[in-house]
Amino acid sequence: MGRIHGVIVDAKSGARVTAKVHIHDAQGTSIRPPDSVEKVGPGLPFFYCDGEFEVEALRGQADITIERGTEYTPFNAAVQIPKEGTVDLTAELKRWAELPAAGWYPGNTH
């Protein structure tokens, strides 16, 4: 079985950032690190990430989406997983807006 090692960084500063990560393997199954916190409930499954993750994946294509708040453009990638070995992925998340500078701050409605 192959592996994906991912690092998530802010594109401007290069600093590692937290995010939520969706990974679906070649069979369409959601995969996550065994010790991660997974979102439960309706919608696409994802796990919370502190800026670095590693998962085992079946050989073939894995589809990855990484999101970090409203002001960042989601990162999408399709990677080919080998039968054995590790695919290294660096996800640079880019801000499309500086919402705090415009007086907007994150919140949760539930």
PDB file of N, CA and C in Angstrom:
ATOM      1  N   MET A   1       0.836  -1.175   0.000  1.00  0.00           N
ATOM      2  CA  MET A   1       0.000   0.000   0.000  1.00  0.00           C
ATOM      3  C   MET A   1       0.886   1.244   0.000  1.00  0.00           C
ATOM      4  N   GLY A   2       0.479   2.237  -0.761  1.00  0.00           N
ATOM      5  CA  GLY A   2       1.224   3.483  -0.824  1.00  0.00           C
ATOM      6  C   GLY A   2       0.816   4.444   0.270  1.00  0.00           C
ATOM      7  N   ARG A   3       1.485   5.585   0.293  1.00  0.00           N
ATOM      8  CA  ARG A   3       1.204   6.590   1.308  1.00  0.00           C
ATOM      9  C   ARG A   3       1.189   7.983   0.675  1.00  0.00           C
ATOM     10  N   ILE A   4       0.479   8.880   1.310  1.00  0.00           N
ATOM     11  CA  ILE A   4       0.524  10.308   0.960  1.00  0.00           C
ATOM     12  C   ILE A   4       1.019  11.042   2.191  1.00  0.00           C
ATOM     13  N   HIS A   5       2.078  11.819   2.007  1.00  0.00           N
ATOM     14  CA  HIS A   5       2.569  12.695   3.077  1.00  0.00           C
ATOM     15  C   HIS A   5       2.302  14.122   2.625  1.00  0.00           C
ATOM     16  N   GLY A   6       1.470  14.838   3.376  1.00  0.00           N
ATOM     17  CA  GLY A   6       1.095  16.190   2.987  1.00  0.00           C
ATOM     18  C   GLY A   6       1.519  17.230   3.996  1.00  0.00           C
ATOM     19  N   VAL A   7       1.911  18.379   3.482  1.00  0.00           N
ATOM     20  CA  VAL A   7       2.224  19.552   4.293  1.00  0.00           C
ATOM     21  C   VAL A   7       1.379  20.695   3.750  1.00  0.00           C
ATOM     22  N   ILE A   8       0.728  21.437   4.643  1.00  0.00           N
ATOM     23  CA  ILE A   8      -0.164  22.527   4.255  1.00  0.00           C
ATOM     24  C   ILE A   8       0.446  23.838   4.724  1.00  0.00           C
ATOM     25  N   VAL A   9       0.647  24.763   3.772  1.00  0.00           N
ATOM     26  CA  VAL A   9       1.276  26.042   4.114  1.00  0.00           C
ATOM     27  C   VAL A   9       0.488  27.213   3.536  1.00  0.00           C
ATOM     28  N   ASP A  10       0.621  28.356   4.179  1.00  0.00           N
ATOM     29  CA  ASP A  10       0.100  29.597   3.642  1.00  0.00           C
ATOM     30  C   ASP A  10       1.018  30.010   2.499  1.00  0.00           C
ATOM     31  N   ALA A  11       0.460  30.296   1.335  1.00  0.00           N
ATOM     32  CA  ALA A  11       1.270  30.594   0.143  1.00  0.00           C
ATOM     33  C   ALA A  11       2.110  31.854   0.316  1.00  0.00           C
ATOM     34  N   LYS A  12       1.609  32.834   1.054  1.00  0.00           N
ATOM     35  CA  LYS A  12       2.327  34.097   1.204  1.00  0.00           C
ATOM     36  C   LYS A  12       3.465  34.001   2.218  1.00  0.00           C
ATOM     37  N   SER A  13       3.188  33.426   3.378  1.00  0.00           N
ATOM     38  CA  SER A  13       4.197  33.388   4.450  1.00  0.00           C
ATOM     39  C   SER A  13       5.041  32.121   4.437  1.00  0.00           C
ATOM     40  N   GLY A  14       4.503  31.036   3.859  1.00  0.00           N
ATOM     41  CA  GLY A  14       5.207  29.759   3.886  1.00  0.00           C
ATOM     42  C   GLY A  14       5.040  29.012   5.197  1.00  0.00           C
ATOM     43  N   ALA A  15       4.304  29.590   6.147  1.00  0.00           N
ATOM     44  CA  ALA A  15       4.097  28.958   7.451  1.00  0.00           C
ATOM     45  C   ALA A  15       3.083  27.824   7.339  1.00  0.00           C
ATOM     46  N   ARG A  16       3.284  26.788   8.120  1.00  0.00           N
ATOM     47  CA  ARG A  16       2.294  25.716   8.170  1.00  0.00           C
ATOM     48  C   ARG A  16       1.019  26.247   8.792  1.00  0.00           C
ATOM     49  N   VAL A  17      -0.110  25.774   8.264  1.00  0.00           N
ATOM     50  CA  VAL A  17      -1.405  26.225   8.748  1.00  0.00           C
ATOM     51  C   VAL A  17      -2.337  25.036   8.961  1.00  0.00           C
ATOM     52  N   THR A  18      -3.284  25.209   9.849  1.00  0.00           N
ATOM     53  CA  THR A  18      -4.310  24.199  10.072  1.00  0.00           C
ATOM     54  C   THR A  18      -5.334  24.269   8.948  1.00  0.00           C
ATOM     55  N   ALA A  19      -6.013  23.161   8.714  1.00  0.00           N
ATOM     56  CA  ALA A  19      -7.007  23.104   7.642  1.00  0.00           C
ATOM     57  C   ALA A  19      -7.854  21.856   7.811  1.00  0.00           C
ATOM     58  N   LYS A  20      -8.872  21.755   6.974  1.00  0.00           N
ATOM     59  CA  LYS A  20      -9.625  20.508   6.909  1.00  0.00           C
ATOM     60  C   LYS A  20      -9.300  19.847   5.582  1.00  0.00           C
ATOM     61  N   VAL A  21      -9.201  18.523   5.598  1.00  0.00           N
ATOM     62  CA  VAL A  21      -8.711  17.762   4.454  1.00  0.00           C
ATOM     63  C   VAL A  21      -9.702  16.662   4.083  1.00  0.00           C
ATOM     64  N   HIS A  22     -10.057  16.610   2.791  1.00  0.00           N
ATOM     65  CA  HIS A  22     -10.885  15.537   2.237  1.00  0.00           C
ATOM     66  C   HIS A  22      -9.961  14.705   1.338  1.00  0.00           C
ATOM     67  N   ILE A  23      -9.889  13.397   1.543  1.00  0.00           N
ATOM     68  CA  ILE A  23      -9.124  12.520   0.646  1.00  0.00           C
ATOM     69  C   ILE A  23      -9.994  11.325   0.302  1.00  0.00           C
ATOM     70  N   HIS A  24     -10.134  11.075  -0.995  1.00  0.00           N
ATOM     71  CA  HIS A  24     -10.847   9.893  -1.470  1.00  0.00           C
ATOM     72  C   HIS A  24      -9.891   9.061  -2.308  1.00  0.00           C
ATOM     73  N   ASP A  25      -9.808   7.764  -1.994  1.00  0.00           N
ATOM     74  CA  ASP A  25      -8.882   6.890  -2.707  1.00  0.00           C
ATOM     75  C   ASP A  25      -9.467   6.442  -4.047  1.00  0.00           C
ATOM     76  N   ALA A  26      -8.763   5.539  -4.709  1.00  0.00           N
ATOM     77  CA  ALA A  26      -9.146   5.082  -6.046  1.00  0.00           C
ATOM     78  C   ALA A  26     -10.524   4.414  -6.064  1.00  0.00           C
ATOM     79  N   GLN A  27     -10.985   3.920  -4.927  1.00  0.00           N
ATOM     80  CA  GLN A  27     -12.313   3.294  -4.854  1.00  0.00           C
ATOM     81  C   GLN A  27     -13.386   4.273  -4.392  1.00  0.00           C
ATOM     82  N   GLY A  28     -13.000   5.535  -4.150  1.00  0.00           N
ATOM     83  CA  GLY A  28     -13.958   6.540  -3.710  1.00  0.00           C
ATOM     84  C   GLY A  28     -14.193   6.557  -2.210  1.00  0.00           C
ATOM     85  N   THR A  29     -13.382   5.794  -1.480  1.00  0.00           N
ATOM     86  CA  THR A  29     -13.507   5.722  -0.028  1.00  0.00           C
ATOM     87  C   THR A  29     -12.771   6.885   0.620  1.00  0.00           C
ATOM     88  N   SER A  30     -13.398   7.496   1.600  1.00  0.00           N
ATOM     89  CA  SER A  30     -12.753   8.572   2.349  1.00  0.00           C
ATOM     90  C   SER A  30     -11.677   7.960   3.241  1.00  0.00           C
ATOM     91  N   ILE A  31     -10.478   8.545   3.203  1.00  0.00           N
ATOM     92  CA  ILE A  31      -9.400   8.036   4.043  1.00  0.00           C
ATOM     93  C   ILE A  31      -8.861   9.165   4.913  1.00  0.00           C
ATOM     94  N   ARG A  32      -8.293   8.790   6.063  1.00  0.00           N
ATOM     95  CA  ARG A  32      -7.765   9.765   7.006  1.00  0.00           C
ATOM     96  C   ARG A  32      -6.689   9.114   7.867  1.00  0.00           C
ATOM     97  N   PRO A  33      -5.860   9.907   8.516  1.00  0.00           N
ATOM     98  CA  PRO A  33      -4.887   9.332   9.446  1.00  0.00           C
ATOM     99  C   PRO A  33      -5.627   8.659  10.607  1.00  0.00           C
ATOM    100  N   PRO A  34      -5.100   7.566  11.125  1.00  0.00           N
ATOM    101  CA  PRO A  34      -5.816   6.836  12.171  1.00  0.00           C
ATOM    102  C   PRO A  34      -6.044   7.638  13.451  1.00  0.00           C
ATOM    103  N   ASP A  35      -5.190   8.578  13.763  1.00  0.00           N
ATOM    104  CA  ASP A  35      -5.319   9.335  15.014  1.00  0.00           C
ATOM    105  C   ASP A  35      -5.951  10.717  14.817  1.00  0.00           C
ATOM    106  N   SER A  36      -6.538  10.963  13.656  1.00  0.00           N
ATOM    107  CA  SER A  36      -7.089  12.293  13.362  1.00  0.00           C
ATOM    108  C   SER A  36      -8.509  12.445  13.906  1.00  0.00           C
ATOM    109  N   VAL A  37      -8.951  13.690  13.990  1.00  0.00           N
ATOM    110  CA  VAL A  37     -10.324  14.003  14.365  1.00  0.00           C
ATOM    111  C   VAL A  37     -11.110  14.140  13.071  1.00  0.00           C
ATOM    112  N   GLU A  38     -12.144  13.321  12.940  1.00  0.00           N
ATOM    113  CA  GLU A  38     -12.935  13.312  11.720  1.00  0.00           C
ATOM    114  C   GLU A  38     -14.275  14.006  11.958  1.00  0.00           C
ATOM    115  N   LYS A  39     -14.715  14.774  10.970  1.00  0.00           N
ATOM    116  CA  LYS A  39     -16.037  15.402  11.019  1.00  0.00           C
ATOM    117  C   LYS A  39     -17.084  14.309  10.889  1.00  0.00           C
ATOM    118  N   VAL A  40     -18.112  14.399  11.707  1.00  0.00           N
ATOM    119  CA  VAL A  40     -19.195  13.428  11.687  1.00  0.00           C
ATOM    120  C   VAL A  40     -20.476  14.149  11.303  1.00  0.00           C
ATOM    121  N   GLY A  41     -21.295  13.522  10.497  1.00  0.00           N
ATOM    122  CA  GLY A  41     -22.574  14.109  10.122  1.00  0.00           C
ATOM    123  C   GLY A  41     -22.713  14.198   8.615  1.00  0.00           C
ATOM    124  N   PRO A  42     -23.708  14.959   8.168  1.00  0.00           N
ATOM    125  CA  PRO A  42     -23.967  15.048   6.727  1.00  0.00           C
ATOM    126  C   PRO A  42     -22.867  15.818   5.992  1.00  0.00           C
ATOM    127  N   GLY A  43     -22.846  15.656   4.690  1.00  0.00           N
ATOM    128  CA  GLY A  43     -21.841  16.335   3.879  1.00  0.00           C
ATOM    129  C   GLY A  43     -20.611  15.469   3.664  1.00  0.00           C
ATOM    130  N   LEU A  44     -19.656  16.037   2.948  1.00  0.00           N
ATOM    131  CA  LEU A  44     -18.424  15.297   2.660  1.00  0.00           C
ATOM    132  C   LEU A  44     -17.622  15.046   3.934  1.00  0.00           C
ATOM    133  N   PRO A  45     -17.095  13.830   4.098  1.00  0.00           N
ATOM    134  CA  PRO A  45     -16.253  13.566   5.263  1.00  0.00           C
ATOM    135  C   PRO A  45     -14.906  14.269   5.120  1.00  0.00           C
ATOM    136  N   PHE A  46     -14.357  14.717   6.225  1.00  0.00           N
ATOM    137  CA  PHE A  46     -13.033  15.314   6.230  1.00  0.00           C
ATOM    138  C   PHE A  46     -12.411  15.134   7.597  1.00  0.00           C
ATOM    139  N   PHE A  47     -11.096  15.371   7.673  1.00  0.00           N
ATOM    140  CA  PHE A  47     -10.434  15.359   8.967  1.00  0.00           C
ATOM    141  C   PHE A  47      -9.741  16.698   9.167  1.00  0.00           C
ATOM    142  N   TYR A  48      -9.579  17.035  10.425  1.00  0.00           N
ATOM    143  CA  TYR A  48      -8.885  18.269  10.780  1.00  0.00           C
ATOM    144  C   TYR A  48      -7.398  17.988  10.812  1.00  0.00           C
ATOM    145  N   CYS A  49      -6.613  18.934  10.320  1.00  0.00           N
ATOM    146  CA  CYS A  49      -5.176  18.733  10.192  1.00  0.00           C
ATOM    147  C   CYS A  49      -4.422  19.920  10.786  1.00  0.00           C
ATOM    148  N   ASP A  50      -3.345  19.638  11.504  1.00  0.00           N
ATOM    149  CA  ASP A  50      -2.542  20.697  12.123  1.00  0.00           C
ATOM    150  C   ASP A  50      -1.475  21.267  11.193  1.00  0.00           C
ATOM    151  N   GLY A  51      -1.492  20.872   9.935  1.00  0.00           N
ATOM    152  CA  GLY A  51      -0.521  21.380   8.971  1.00  0.00           C
ATOM    153  C   GLY A  51       0.319  20.290   8.327  1.00  0.00           C
ATOM    154  N   GLU A  52       0.208  19.074   8.833  1.00  0.00           N
ATOM    155  CA  GLU A  52       0.952  17.948   8.243  1.00  0.00           C
ATOM    156  C   GLU A  52       0.156  16.671   8.480  1.00  0.00           C
ATOM    157  N   PHE A  53       0.112  15.805   7.470  1.00  0.00           N
ATOM    158  CA  PHE A  53      -0.621  14.548   7.612  1.00  0.00           C
ATOM    159  C   PHE A  53       0.064  13.453   6.806  1.00  0.00           C
ATOM    160  N   GLU A  54      -0.269  12.210   7.161  1.00  0.00           N
ATOM    161  CA  GLU A  54       0.183  11.058   6.391  1.00  0.00           C
ATOM    162  C   GLU A  54      -0.909  10.002   6.444  1.00  0.00           C
ATOM    163  N   VAL A  55      -1.267   9.473   5.272  1.00  0.00           N
ATOM    164  CA  VAL A  55      -2.298   8.448   5.179  1.00  0.00           C
ATOM    165  C   VAL A  55      -1.823   7.320   4.273  1.00  0.00           C
ATOM    166  N   GLU A  56      -2.326   6.135   4.531  1.00  0.00           N
ATOM    167  CA  GLU A  56      -2.127   5.010   3.622  1.00  0.00           C
ATOM    168  C   GLU A  56      -3.228   5.070   2.577  1.00  0.00           C
ATOM    169  N   ALA A  57      -2.883   4.736   1.336  1.00  0.00           N
ATOM    170  CA  ALA A  57      -3.860   4.810   0.251  1.00  0.00           C
ATOM    171  C   ALA A  57      -3.656   3.657  -0.726  1.00  0.00           C
ATOM    172  N   LEU A  58      -4.753   3.218  -1.301  1.00  0.00           N
ATOM    173  CA  LEU A  58      -4.684   2.190  -2.339  1.00  0.00           C
ATOM    174  C   LEU A  58      -4.004   2.740  -3.584  1.00  0.00           C
ATOM    175  N   ARG A  59      -3.377   1.864  -4.333  1.00  0.00           N
ATOM    176  CA  ARG A  59      -2.755   2.260  -5.600  1.00  0.00           C
ATOM    177  C   ARG A  59      -3.802   2.840  -6.539  1.00  0.00           C
ATOM    178  N   GLY A  60      -3.417   3.867  -7.250  1.00  0.00           N
ATOM    179  CA  GLY A  60      -4.339   4.525  -8.174  1.00  0.00           C
ATOM    180  C   GLY A  60      -4.478   5.991  -7.819  1.00  0.00           C
ATOM    181  N   GLN A  61      -5.493   6.613  -8.356  1.00  0.00           N
ATOM    182  CA  GLN A  61      -5.677   8.047  -8.139  1.00  0.00           C
ATOM    183  C   GLN A  61      -6.358   8.330  -6.808  1.00  0.00           C
ATOM    184  N   ALA A  62      -5.825   9.290  -6.086  1.00  0.00           N
ATOM    185  CA  ALA A  62      -6.477   9.814  -4.881  1.00  0.00           C
ATOM    186  C   ALA A  62      -6.806  11.279  -5.149  1.00  0.00           C
ATOM    187  N   ASP A  63      -8.011  11.675  -4.783  1.00  0.00           N
ATOM    188  CA  ASP A  63      -8.461  13.054  -4.955  1.00  0.00           C
ATOM    189  C   ASP A  63      -8.421  13.753  -3.605  1.00  0.00           C
ATOM    190  N   ILE A  64      -7.788  14.927  -3.576  1.00  0.00           N
ATOM    191  CA  ILE A  64      -7.568  15.648  -2.323  1.00  0.00           C
ATOM    192  C   ILE A  64      -8.120  17.063  -2.447  1.00  0.00           C
ATOM    193  N   THR A  65      -8.872  17.475  -1.439  1.00  0.00           N
ATOM    194  CA  THR A  65      -9.330  18.850  -1.318  1.00  0.00           C
ATOM    195  C   THR A  65      -8.956  19.327   0.077  1.00  0.00           C
ATOM    196  N   ILE A  66      -8.336  20.504   0.140  1.00  0.00           N
ATOM    197  CA  ILE A  66      -7.930  21.085   1.416  1.00  0.00           C
ATOM    198  C   ILE A  66      -8.544  22.477   1.507  1.00  0.00           C
ATOM    199  N   GLU A  67      -9.200  22.743   2.642  1.00  0.00           N
ATOM    200  CA  GLU A  67      -9.892  24.020   2.832  1.00  0.00           C
ATOM    201  C   GLU A  67      -9.467  24.666   4.148  1.00  0.00           C
ATOM    202  N   ARG A  68      -9.406  26.007   4.116  1.00  0.00           N
ATOM    203  CA  ARG A  68      -9.066  26.770   5.316  1.00  0.00           C
ATOM    204  C   ARG A  68      -9.843  28.084   5.308  1.00  0.00           C
ATOM    205  N   GLY A  69     -11.027  28.061   5.823  1.00  0.00           N
ATOM    206  CA  GLY A  69     -11.793  29.288   5.973  1.00  0.00           C
ATOM    207  C   GLY A  69     -12.242  29.908   4.667  1.00  0.00           C
ATOM    208  N   THR A  70     -13.100  30.894   4.815  1.00  0.00           N
ATOM    209  CA  THR A  70     -13.728  31.549   3.673  1.00  0.00           C
ATOM    210  C   THR A  70     -12.747  32.301   2.795  1.00  0.00           C
ATOM    211  N   GLU A  71     -11.726  32.903   3.390  1.00  0.00           N
ATOM    212  CA  GLU A  71     -10.861  33.772   2.599  1.00  0.00           C
ATOM    213  C   GLU A  71      -9.752  33.042   1.840  1.00  0.00           C
ATOM    214  N   TYR A  72      -9.682  31.727   1.952  1.00  0.00           N
ATOM    215  CA  TYR A  72      -8.679  30.952   1.214  1.00  0.00           C
ATOM    216  C   TYR A  72      -9.342  30.178   0.075  1.00  0.00           C
ATOM    217  N   THR A  73      -8.708  30.147  -1.068  1.00  0.00           N
ATOM    218  CA  THR A  73      -9.175  29.335  -2.182  1.00  0.00           C
ATOM    219  C   THR A  73      -8.883  27.869  -1.860  1.00  0.00           C
ATOM    220  N   PRO A  74      -9.856  26.973  -1.989  1.00  0.00           N
ATOM    221  CA  PRO A  74      -9.593  25.555  -1.724  1.00  0.00           C
ATOM    222  C   PRO A  74      -8.481  25.024  -2.635  1.00  0.00           C
ATOM    223  N   PHE A  75      -7.688  24.116  -2.114  1.00  0.00           N
ATOM    224  CA  PHE A  75      -6.620  23.447  -2.854  1.00  0.00           C
ATOM    225  C   PHE A  75      -7.173  22.105  -3.312  1.00  0.00           C
ATOM    226  N   ASN A  76      -7.061  21.808  -4.595  1.00  0.00           N
ATOM    227  CA  ASN A  76      -7.509  20.529  -5.149  1.00  0.00           C
ATOM    228  C   ASN A  76      -6.359  19.870  -5.890  1.00  0.00           C
ATOM    229  N   ALA A  77      -6.221  18.564  -5.702  1.00  0.00           N
ATOM    230  CA  ALA A  77      -5.180  17.819  -6.406  1.00  0.00           C
ATOM    231  C   ALA A  77      -5.637  16.381  -6.625  1.00  0.00           C
ATOM    232  N   ALA A  78      -5.186  15.811  -7.709  1.00  0.00           N
ATOM    233  CA  ALA A  78      -5.350  14.382  -7.977  1.00  0.00           C
ATOM    234  C   ALA A  78      -3.937  13.821  -8.048  1.00  0.00           C
ATOM    235  N   VAL A  79      -3.626  12.881  -7.182  1.00  0.00           N
ATOM    236  CA  VAL A  79      -2.278  12.309  -7.157  1.00  0.00           C
ATOM    237  C   VAL A  79      -2.350  10.820  -7.454  1.00  0.00           C
ATOM    238  N   GLN A  80      -1.303  10.322  -8.087  1.00  0.00           N
ATOM    239  CA  GLN A  80      -1.212   8.900  -8.393  1.00  0.00           C
ATOM    240  C   GLN A  80      -0.425   8.203  -7.285  1.00  0.00           C
ATOM    241  N   ILE A  81      -1.068   7.249  -6.645  1.00  0.00           N
ATOM    242  CA  ILE A  81      -0.459   6.526  -5.539  1.00  0.00           C
ATOM    243  C   ILE A  81       0.207   5.263  -6.083  1.00  0.00           C
ATOM    244  N   PRO A  82       1.498   5.070  -5.774  1.00  0.00           N
ATOM    245  CA  PRO A  82       2.172   3.857  -6.228  1.00  0.00           C
ATOM    246  C   PRO A  82       1.774   2.652  -5.366  1.00  0.00           C
ATOM    247  N   LYS A  83       2.110   1.463  -5.837  1.00  0.00           N
ATOM    248  CA  LYS A  83       1.824   0.248  -5.071  1.00  0.00           C
ATOM    249  C   LYS A  83       2.535   0.302  -3.718  1.00  0.00           C
ATOM    250  N   GLU A  84       3.751   0.828  -3.734  1.00  0.00           N
ATOM    251  CA  GLU A  84       4.535   1.005  -2.509  1.00  0.00           C
ATOM    252  C   GLU A  84       5.230   2.351  -2.590  1.00  0.00           C
ATOM    253  N   GLY A  85       5.559   2.929  -1.450  1.00  0.00           N
ATOM    254  CA  GLY A  85       6.264   4.200  -1.432  1.00  0.00           C
ATOM    255  C   GLY A  85       5.343   5.347  -1.043  1.00  0.00           C
ATOM    256  N   THR A  86       5.920   6.522  -0.993  1.00  0.00           N
ATOM    257  CA  THR A  86       5.212   7.707  -0.510  1.00  0.00           C
ATOM    258  C   THR A  86       5.198   8.809  -1.552  1.00  0.00           C
ATOM    259  N   VAL A  87       4.043   9.435  -1.706  1.00  0.00           N
ATOM    260  CA  VAL A  87       3.893  10.625  -2.540  1.00  0.00           C
ATOM    261  C   VAL A  87       3.936  11.818  -1.592  1.00  0.00           C
ATOM    262  N   ASP A  88       4.867  12.744  -1.834  1.00  0.00           N
ATOM    263  CA  ASP A  88       4.953  13.970  -1.041  1.00  0.00           C
ATOM    264  C   ASP A  88       4.135  15.059  -1.709  1.00  0.00           C
ATOM    265  N   LEU A  89       3.333  15.752  -0.915  1.00  0.00           N
ATOM    266  CA  LEU A  89       2.455  16.798  -1.427  1.00  0.00           C
ATOM    267  C   LEU A  89       2.601  18.034  -0.557  1.00  0.00           C
ATOM    268  N   THR A  90       2.884  19.171  -1.189  1.00  0.00           N
ATOM    269  CA  THR A  90       2.856  20.449  -0.480  1.00  0.00           C
ATOM    270  C   THR A  90       1.680  21.233  -1.027  1.00  0.00           C
ATOM    271  N   ALA A  91       0.747  21.564  -0.142  1.00  0.00           N
ATOM    272  CA  ALA A  91      -0.449  22.311  -0.529  1.00  0.00           C
ATOM    273  C   ALA A  91      -0.268  23.755  -0.087  1.00  0.00           C
ATOM    274  N   GLU A  92      -0.131  24.652  -1.063  1.00  0.00           N
ATOM    275  CA  GLU A  92      -0.018  26.074  -0.768  1.00  0.00           C
ATOM    276  C   GLU A  92      -1.412  26.694  -0.848  1.00  0.00           C
ATOM    277  N   LEU A  93      -1.898  27.161   0.278  1.00  0.00           N
ATOM    278  CA  LEU A  93      -3.221  27.776   0.315  1.00  0.00           C
ATOM    279  C   LEU A  93      -3.080  29.274   0.105  1.00  0.00           C
ATOM    280  N   LYS A  94      -3.851  29.783  -0.855  1.00  0.00           N
ATOM    281  CA  LYS A  94      -3.763  31.201  -1.231  1.00  0.00           C
ATOM    282  C   LYS A  94      -5.004  31.955  -0.765  1.00  0.00           C
ATOM    283  N   ARG A  95      -4.765  33.100  -0.141  1.00  0.00           N
ATOM    284  CA  ARG A  95      -5.878  33.979   0.251  1.00  0.00           C
ATOM    285  C   ARG A  95      -6.410  34.689  -0.994  1.00  0.00           C
ATOM    286  N   TRP A  96      -7.706  34.746  -1.125  1.00  0.00           N
ATOM    287  CA  TRP A  96      -8.302  35.526  -2.210  1.00  0.00           C
ATOM    288  C   TRP A  96      -8.769  36.880  -1.688  1.00  0.00           C
ATOM    289  N   ALA A  97      -8.834  37.018  -0.341  1.00  0.00           N
ATOM    290  CA  ALA A  97      -9.251  38.282   0.262  1.00  0.00           C
ATOM    291  C   ALA A  97      -8.636  38.393   1.655  1.00  0.00           C
ATOM    292  N   GLU A  98      -8.411  39.614   2.082  1.00  0.00           N
ATOM    293  CA  GLU A  98      -7.942  39.885   3.446  1.00  0.00           C
ATOM    294  C   GLU A  98      -9.150  40.328   4.263  1.00  0.00           C
ATOM    295  N   LEU A  99      -9.992  39.379   4.637  1.00  0.00           N
ATOM    296  CA  LEU A  99     -11.248  39.697   5.301  1.00  0.00           C
ATOM    297  C   LEU A  99     -11.068  40.422   6.640  1.00  0.00           C
ATOM    298  N   PRO A 100     -10.092  40.068   7.501  1.00  0.00           N
ATOM    299  CA  PRO A 100      -9.927  40.827   8.744  1.00  0.00           C
ATOM    300  C   PRO A 100      -9.629  42.309   8.493  1.00  0.00           C
ATOM    301  N   ALA A 101      -8.870  42.603   7.453  1.00  0.00           N
ATOM    302  CA  ALA A 101      -8.558  43.997   7.131  1.00  0.00           C
ATOM    303  C   ALA A 101      -9.817  44.763   6.706  1.00  0.00           C
ATOM    304  N   ALA A 102     -10.813  44.031   6.211  1.00  0.00           N
ATOM    305  CA  ALA A 102     -12.062  44.659   5.800  1.00  0.00           C
ATOM    306  C   ALA A 102     -13.111  44.655   6.927  1.00  0.00           C
ATOM    307  N   GLY A 103     -12.688  44.210   8.121  1.00  0.00           N
ATOM    308  CA  GLY A 103     -13.591  44.214   9.262  1.00  0.00           C
ATOM    309  C   GLY A 103     -14.403  42.952   9.452  1.00  0.00           C
ATOM    310  N   TRP A 104     -14.084  41.896   8.722  1.00  0.00           N
ATOM    311  CA  TRP A 104     -14.788  40.619   8.835  1.00  0.00           C
ATOM    312  C   TRP A 104     -13.968  39.669   9.702  1.00  0.00           C
ATOM    313  N   TYR A 105     -14.651  38.907  10.556  1.00  0.00           N
ATOM    314  CA  TYR A 105     -13.972  37.960  11.444  1.00  0.00           C
ATOM    315  C   TYR A 105     -14.733  36.641  11.423  1.00  0.00           C
ATOM    316  N   PRO A 106     -14.021  35.515  11.619  1.00  0.00           N
ATOM    317  CA  PRO A 106     -14.691  34.227  11.550  1.00  0.00           C
ATOM    318  C   PRO A 106     -15.670  34.048  12.706  1.00  0.00           C
ATOM    319  N   GLY A 107     -16.679  33.269  12.440  1.00  0.00           N
ATOM    320  CA  GLY A 107     -17.661  32.947  13.458  1.00  0.00           C
ATOM    321  C   GLY A 107     -18.297  31.613  13.144  1.00  0.00           C
ATOM    322  N   ASN A 108     -19.094  31.137  14.043  1.00  0.00           N
ATOM    323  CA  ASN A 108     -19.766  29.876  13.860  1.00  0.00           C
ATOM    324  C   ASN A 108     -21.240  30.087  14.189  1.00  0.00           C
ATOM    325  N   THR A 109     -22.112  29.686  13.294  1.00  0.00           N
ATOM    326  CA  THR A 109     -23.541  29.925  13.478  1.00  0.00           C
ATOM    327  C   THR A 109     -24.243  28.804  14.226  1.00  0.00           C
ATOM    328  N   HIS A 110     -23.503  27.805  14.676  1.00  0.00           N
ATOM    329  CA  HIS A 110     -24.152  26.727  15.412  1.00  0.00           C
ATOM    330  C   HIS A 110     -23.312  26.246  16.568  1.00  0.00           C
TER     331      HIS A 110
END
